Amino acid sequence: MSEDRAVFEAALAAQQDGRPAALAIVVETQGSVPRQAGSKMLVWPDGQIVGTVGGGQMEAFVIAEAQAAMRSGESRIVSYDLADPESGDPGVCGGSLRVYVEPLLPPATVLVIGCGHVGKAVAELAKWLGYRVVVSDDRPGYATPEQIPGMDGYLTVAPGDLAEQTPITARTYIVAVTRGLIVDEALLPALLRTDAPYIGLIGSRRRWMITAEALREKGVAQADLDRVHAPIGLSIGAETPKEIAVSIMGEVIQAQRGGSGESLQWPAKSAQAG
C-alpha cells in the first residue's frame, strides 16, 4: 500500500469511527529538506502517526502542532528552518518548509439519556441536525435500534456506570431526559466529572431543587451543580415531545455556537413601542 493511500484510509476510518485526528501536509519547501511538498502524515490524539513529513525533531514539532489543532479545532500553517540546531532549528538539512495542519474532528456528539417519548424525539432531531447521537437507558428494550433506528450508539447501562461506558469529551452534549430523582442522583456525579460543555436535565424547577440539595449532601460542589442546565431547554412554550425536542436542541446549539437566544426580530418590539 502506498504511503498516501495509508494516510487517506486512516483519515477515512477516523471519520467513520467518530475519532479525532489531524492531517499534516508539506505545502512548500526551499532548499534541502527531508520530504518534498505533498508529503502527508495523519496524527492521532496520542501522538501515533500514519505516514511521515520527515522524521526527527521537526516531525515531533508537527505532531505537537497537530495535537494542539485537535484541541482547538483550528487549522494552522507552521514554518520550520532546518539549518542551525543551536539556535533552536529542528534539523541541519539547510532548507526550510511549511506544513499545513488540519484537524479532522468528528461531528459533535449528543448523548441522550432516557429513551422515552422526549428522548426519542431529541435523538431523531439531533441526528437530523447532523450530530453524532448516542442513546442510553437503564431499562432493557429502550435504547435499541428497534426503538430508535439510525443512531450511532446504543447503551443499556445503569445511570451511575454510564460515564465509564462511553467517551464523554469537550465535544459531547448531554441531554438527560430521565424519569425521576433516583436516576438523576445516581447519574449526575459522574457526568459532572467529565469535560462535557453542556449537561441538561429535564424536569421542573422543584425537581431540580430537590435533586441539587440531595447532591450537595453527597458532597457535590455548588460550582459543579451550576454547570447543569435545569430545567432543560429554551422557553418557547413547548408541549409535545417534538416541540420539547426543538426547545432542547435549540439550547444545545446555543451552547455550542454561542448566542443570546433572543428573537432576531428588528426593530425590537420595545424599540417600536418607544
Protein backbone atom coordinates (compact mmCIF):
# COMPACT_ATOMS: atom_id res chain seq x y z
CA MET A 1 0.00 0.00 0.00
CA SER A 2 1.33 3.46 -0.90
CA GLU A 3 2.01 5.91 1.92
CA ASP A 4 -0.59 8.39 0.65
CA ARG A 5 -3.22 5.68 0.47
CA ALA A 6 -2.46 4.58 4.03
CA VAL A 7 -2.87 8.15 5.25
CA PHE A 8 -6.14 8.65 3.38
CA GLU A 9 -7.57 5.33 4.56
CA ALA A 10 -6.66 6.17 8.16
CA ALA A 11 -8.35 9.56 7.79
CA LEU A 12 -11.48 7.92 6.37
CA ALA A 13 -11.53 5.37 9.19
CA ALA A 14 -11.25 8.18 11.74
CA GLN A 15 -14.29 9.90 10.30
CA GLN A 16 -16.29 6.69 10.11
CA ASP A 17 -15.43 5.73 13.69
CA GLY A 18 -16.01 9.19 15.13
CA ARG A 19 -12.35 9.51 16.19
CA PRO A 20 -10.45 12.82 16.10
CA ALA A 21 -7.24 13.04 14.08
CA ALA A 22 -5.21 15.68 12.27
CA LEU A 23 -3.77 15.74 8.76
CA ALA A 24 -0.36 17.36 8.17
CA ILE A 25 0.73 18.16 4.61
CA VAL A 26 4.02 19.69 3.49
CA VAL A 27 2.85 22.54 1.27
CA GLU A 28 6.08 24.40 0.43
CA THR A 29 9.80 23.67 0.56
CA GLN A 30 13.04 25.51 -0.18
CA GLY A 31 16.50 24.02 -0.35
CA SER A 32 17.45 20.70 1.14
CA VAL A 33 14.62 19.14 3.17
CA PRO A 34 13.78 15.56 4.24
CA ARG A 35 10.42 15.41 2.42
CA GLN A 36 9.04 17.35 -0.53
CA ALA A 37 5.76 19.24 -0.95
CA GLY A 38 2.78 16.90 -0.90
CA SER A 39 4.14 14.59 1.80
CA LYS A 40 1.39 13.68 4.25
CA MET A 41 1.03 12.42 7.79
CA LEU A 42 -2.01 11.58 9.91
CA VAL A 43 -1.69 12.19 13.65
CA TRP A 44 -3.83 10.54 16.33
CA PRO A 45 -4.55 12.27 19.66
CA ASP A 46 -1.98 10.11 21.47
CA GLY A 47 0.77 11.15 19.01
CA GLN A 48 0.81 7.96 16.96
CA ILE A 49 1.18 8.61 13.24
CA VAL A 50 0.47 7.19 9.79
CA GLY A 51 2.92 8.42 7.14
CA THR A 52 5.70 10.93 7.74
CA VAL A 53 6.67 14.52 6.97
CA GLY A 54 10.37 13.93 7.57
CA GLY A 55 11.09 12.41 10.95
CA GLY A 56 13.30 13.76 13.68
CA GLN A 57 12.73 16.81 15.83
CA MET A 58 10.86 18.65 13.09
CA GLU A 59 8.28 15.87 12.85
CA ALA A 60 7.92 15.90 16.65
CA PHE A 61 7.08 19.60 16.41
CA VAL A 62 4.48 18.89 13.72
CA ILE A 63 2.90 16.17 15.88
CA ALA A 64 2.63 18.64 18.77
CA GLU A 65 1.01 21.20 16.44
CA ALA A 66 -1.43 18.55 15.23
CA GLN A 67 -2.41 17.68 18.80
CA ALA A 68 -2.95 21.37 19.55
CA ALA A 69 -5.08 21.70 16.40
CA MET A 70 -7.28 18.82 17.55
CA ARG A 71 -7.80 20.54 20.90
CA SER A 72 -8.62 23.94 19.39
CA GLY A 73 -10.41 22.75 16.25
CA GLU A 74 -8.44 25.28 14.18
CA SER A 75 -6.22 24.70 11.16
CA ARG A 76 -2.78 26.25 11.00
CA ILE A 77 0.32 26.61 8.83
CA VAL A 78 3.68 26.20 10.54
CA SER A 79 7.13 27.00 9.16
CA TYR A 80 10.47 25.42 10.00
CA ASP A 81 14.06 26.28 9.14
CA LEU A 82 16.42 23.32 9.13
CA ALA A 83 19.80 24.98 9.47
CA ASP A 84 21.05 25.66 12.99
CA PRO A 85 20.00 23.38 15.89
CA GLU A 86 21.98 25.54 18.31
CA SER A 87 19.54 28.40 17.63
CA GLY A 88 16.51 26.11 18.00
CA ASP A 89 16.09 24.85 14.43
CA PRO A 90 14.77 21.24 14.32
CA GLY A 91 17.35 19.98 11.82
CA VAL A 92 20.54 20.55 9.85
CA CYS A 93 19.43 19.90 6.26
CA GLY A 94 19.83 23.56 5.38
CA GLY A 95 16.42 24.18 3.81
CA SER A 96 13.02 25.29 5.04
CA LEU A 97 9.48 24.07 4.73
CA ARG A 98 5.90 24.95 5.56
CA VAL A 99 3.35 22.44 6.81
CA TYR A 100 -0.44 22.78 6.74
CA VAL A 101 -2.13 21.11 9.72
CA GLU A 102 -5.87 20.46 9.63
CA PRO A 103 -7.86 18.87 12.47
CA LEU A 104 -10.24 16.14 11.33
CA LEU A 105 -12.85 16.24 14.03
CA PRO A 106 -15.95 14.05 14.05
CA PRO A 107 -19.33 15.72 14.43
CA ALA A 108 -20.12 16.78 17.97
CA THR A 109 -21.94 14.08 19.92
CA VAL A 110 -25.32 14.39 21.58
CA LEU A 111 -25.65 11.82 24.36
CA VAL A 112 -29.35 11.27 25.07
CA ILE A 113 -30.02 9.65 28.44
CA GLY A 114 -33.54 8.33 28.73
CA CYS A 115 -35.32 6.95 25.68
CA GLY A 116 -38.95 7.69 26.38
CA HIS A 117 -41.08 9.90 24.15
CA VAL A 118 -38.97 13.04 24.61
CA GLY A 119 -35.65 11.21 24.43
CA LYS A 120 -36.65 9.55 21.17
CA ALA A 121 -37.72 12.90 19.69
CA VAL A 122 -34.46 14.57 20.81
CA ALA A 123 -32.34 11.78 19.35
CA GLU A 124 -34.11 11.90 16.00
CA LEU A 125 -33.89 15.70 15.79
CA ALA A 126 -30.22 15.73 16.82
CA LYS A 127 -29.42 13.15 14.13
CA TRP A 128 -31.29 15.21 11.53
CA LEU A 129 -29.24 18.24 12.60
CA GLY A 130 -26.03 16.37 11.81
CA TYR A 131 -24.84 15.39 15.27
CA ARG A 132 -23.41 12.05 16.16
CA VAL A 133 -26.04 10.61 18.52
CA VAL A 134 -25.66 8.02 21.26
CA VAL A 135 -28.75 6.93 23.20
CA SER A 136 -28.77 5.36 26.65
CA ASP A 137 -31.31 3.92 29.07
CA ASP A 138 -31.04 1.60 32.03
CA ARG A 139 -34.24 -0.19 31.03
CA PRO A 140 -33.89 -3.09 28.57
CA GLY A 141 -35.62 -2.53 25.24
CA TYR A 142 -35.48 1.28 25.25
CA ALA A 143 -32.05 2.19 23.83
CA THR A 144 -32.23 -0.13 20.83
CA PRO A 145 -32.21 0.18 17.03
CA GLU A 146 -35.77 -1.14 17.02
CA GLN A 147 -36.93 1.67 19.30
CA ILE A 148 -34.82 4.48 17.80
CA PRO A 149 -33.37 3.50 14.41
CA GLY A 150 -30.31 5.04 12.84
CA MET A 151 -28.37 6.21 15.89
CA ASP A 152 -24.58 5.96 16.26
CA GLY A 153 -24.54 4.10 19.56
CA TYR A 154 -26.87 2.26 21.92
CA LEU A 155 -26.20 1.70 25.62
CA THR A 156 -28.26 -0.19 28.17
CA VAL A 157 -26.42 0.66 31.36
CA ALA A 158 -27.08 1.72 34.95
CA PRO A 159 -27.04 5.53 35.39
CA GLY A 160 -24.01 5.54 37.67
CA ASP A 161 -21.96 3.48 35.20
CA LEU A 162 -22.72 5.44 32.05
CA ALA A 163 -19.64 7.69 32.08
CA GLU A 164 -17.44 4.58 32.13
CA GLN A 165 -19.17 3.02 29.13
CA THR A 166 -18.90 5.81 26.55
CA PRO A 167 -16.34 8.57 25.85
CA ILE A 168 -17.55 11.96 27.11
CA THR A 169 -15.35 14.76 25.80
CA ALA A 170 -15.41 18.51 25.31
CA ARG A 171 -17.49 17.79 22.16
CA THR A 172 -20.19 15.76 23.93
CA TYR A 173 -23.51 17.47 24.70
CA ILE A 174 -25.51 15.60 27.31
CA VAL A 175 -29.31 15.60 27.26
CA ALA A 176 -30.67 13.83 30.33
CA VAL A 177 -34.40 13.28 29.87
CA THR A 178 -34.72 10.84 32.72
CA ARG A 179 -37.77 9.61 34.56
CA GLY A 180 -37.07 10.66 38.14
CA LEU A 181 -34.97 11.83 41.05
CA ILE A 182 -33.42 8.45 41.86
CA VAL A 183 -31.96 8.18 38.36
CA ASP A 184 -30.72 11.78 38.41
CA GLU A 185 -28.93 11.39 41.74
CA ALA A 186 -27.10 8.31 40.52
CA LEU A 187 -26.33 9.78 37.10
CA LEU A 188 -25.08 13.32 37.66
CA PRO A 189 -21.99 12.97 39.88
CA ALA A 190 -20.04 11.02 37.25
CA LEU A 191 -21.23 13.29 34.43
CA LEU A 192 -20.06 16.36 36.34
CA ARG A 193 -16.54 14.92 36.43
CA THR A 194 -16.36 14.93 32.62
CA ASP A 195 -15.42 17.70 30.18
CA ALA A 196 -18.90 17.87 28.65
CA PRO A 197 -19.65 21.52 27.77
CA TYR A 198 -23.39 21.05 28.22
CA ILE A 199 -25.33 18.93 30.69
CA GLY A 200 -29.09 19.45 30.51
CA LEU A 201 -31.62 17.83 32.82
CA ILE A 202 -35.36 17.63 32.20
CA GLY A 203 -37.90 18.32 34.94
CA SER A 204 -39.48 21.12 36.92
CA ARG A 205 -37.62 23.72 38.96
CA ARG A 206 -38.79 21.95 42.11
CA ARG A 207 -37.41 18.63 40.90
CA TRP A 208 -34.05 20.25 40.24
CA MET A 209 -34.01 21.97 43.65
CA ILE A 210 -34.60 18.64 45.39
CA THR A 211 -32.01 16.86 43.24
CA ALA A 212 -29.41 19.59 43.78
CA GLU A 213 -29.90 19.52 47.54
CA ALA A 214 -29.50 15.73 47.60
CA LEU A 215 -26.29 16.01 45.58
CA ARG A 216 -24.90 18.74 47.83
CA GLU A 217 -25.48 16.44 50.79
CA LYS A 218 -23.39 13.82 48.96
CA GLY A 219 -20.54 16.30 48.59
CA VAL A 220 -21.09 17.62 45.07
CA ALA A 221 -19.79 21.19 44.90
CA GLN A 222 -22.11 24.04 44.03
CA ALA A 223 -19.78 25.09 41.21
CA ASP A 224 -20.34 21.69 39.60
CA LEU A 225 -24.10 21.89 40.07
CA ASP A 226 -24.09 25.28 38.39
CA ARG A 227 -22.98 23.55 35.18
CA VAL A 228 -26.34 21.80 34.88
CA HIS A 229 -28.99 23.39 32.65
CA ALA A 230 -32.16 22.62 34.58
CA PRO A 231 -34.91 22.79 33.64
CA ILE A 232 -33.54 21.94 30.22
CA GLY A 233 -34.30 23.85 27.03
CA LEU A 234 -35.33 27.29 25.80
CA SER A 235 -38.63 28.87 26.75
CA ILE A 236 -40.75 28.52 23.61
CA GLY A 237 -43.98 27.23 25.15
CA ALA A 238 -43.26 23.66 24.02
CA GLU A 239 -45.78 20.94 24.96
CA THR A 240 -45.46 17.89 22.71
CA PRO A 241 -42.35 15.65 22.72
CA LYS A 242 -41.27 17.00 19.34
CA GLU A 243 -41.76 20.61 20.45
CA ILE A 244 -39.79 19.91 23.63
CA ALA A 245 -37.05 18.38 21.47
CA VAL A 246 -36.86 21.64 19.50
CA SER A 247 -36.56 23.58 22.75
CA ILE A 248 -33.77 21.30 24.00
CA MET A 249 -31.79 21.20 20.78
CA GLY A 250 -32.12 24.97 20.47
CA GLU A 251 -30.30 25.28 23.79
CA VAL A 252 -27.70 22.69 22.75
CA ILE A 253 -26.96 24.65 19.57
CA GLN A 254 -26.79 27.85 21.60
CA ALA A 255 -24.28 26.23 23.96
CA GLN A 256 -22.17 25.02 21.04
CA ARG A 257 -22.32 28.05 18.76
CA GLY A 258 -22.94 30.89 21.17
CA GLY A 259 -25.77 33.39 21.05
CA SER A 260 -28.27 35.07 23.29
CA GLY A 261 -31.39 33.06 22.50
CA GLU A 262 -33.25 36.31 21.87
CA SER A 263 -35.57 36.92 18.94
CA LEU A 264 -33.90 38.17 15.77
CA GLN A 265 -36.85 40.48 15.06
CA TRP A 266 -35.76 44.03 14.26
CA PRO A 267 -36.60 46.61 15.36
CA ALA A 268 -37.34 45.08 18.73
CA LYS A 269 -40.88 45.48 20.00
CA SER A 270 -39.67 47.59 22.90
CA ALA A 271 -37.97 49.94 20.48
CA GLN A 272 -41.13 50.10 18.36
CA ALA A 273 -43.14 50.95 21.45
CA GLY A 274 -40.77 53.80 22.30
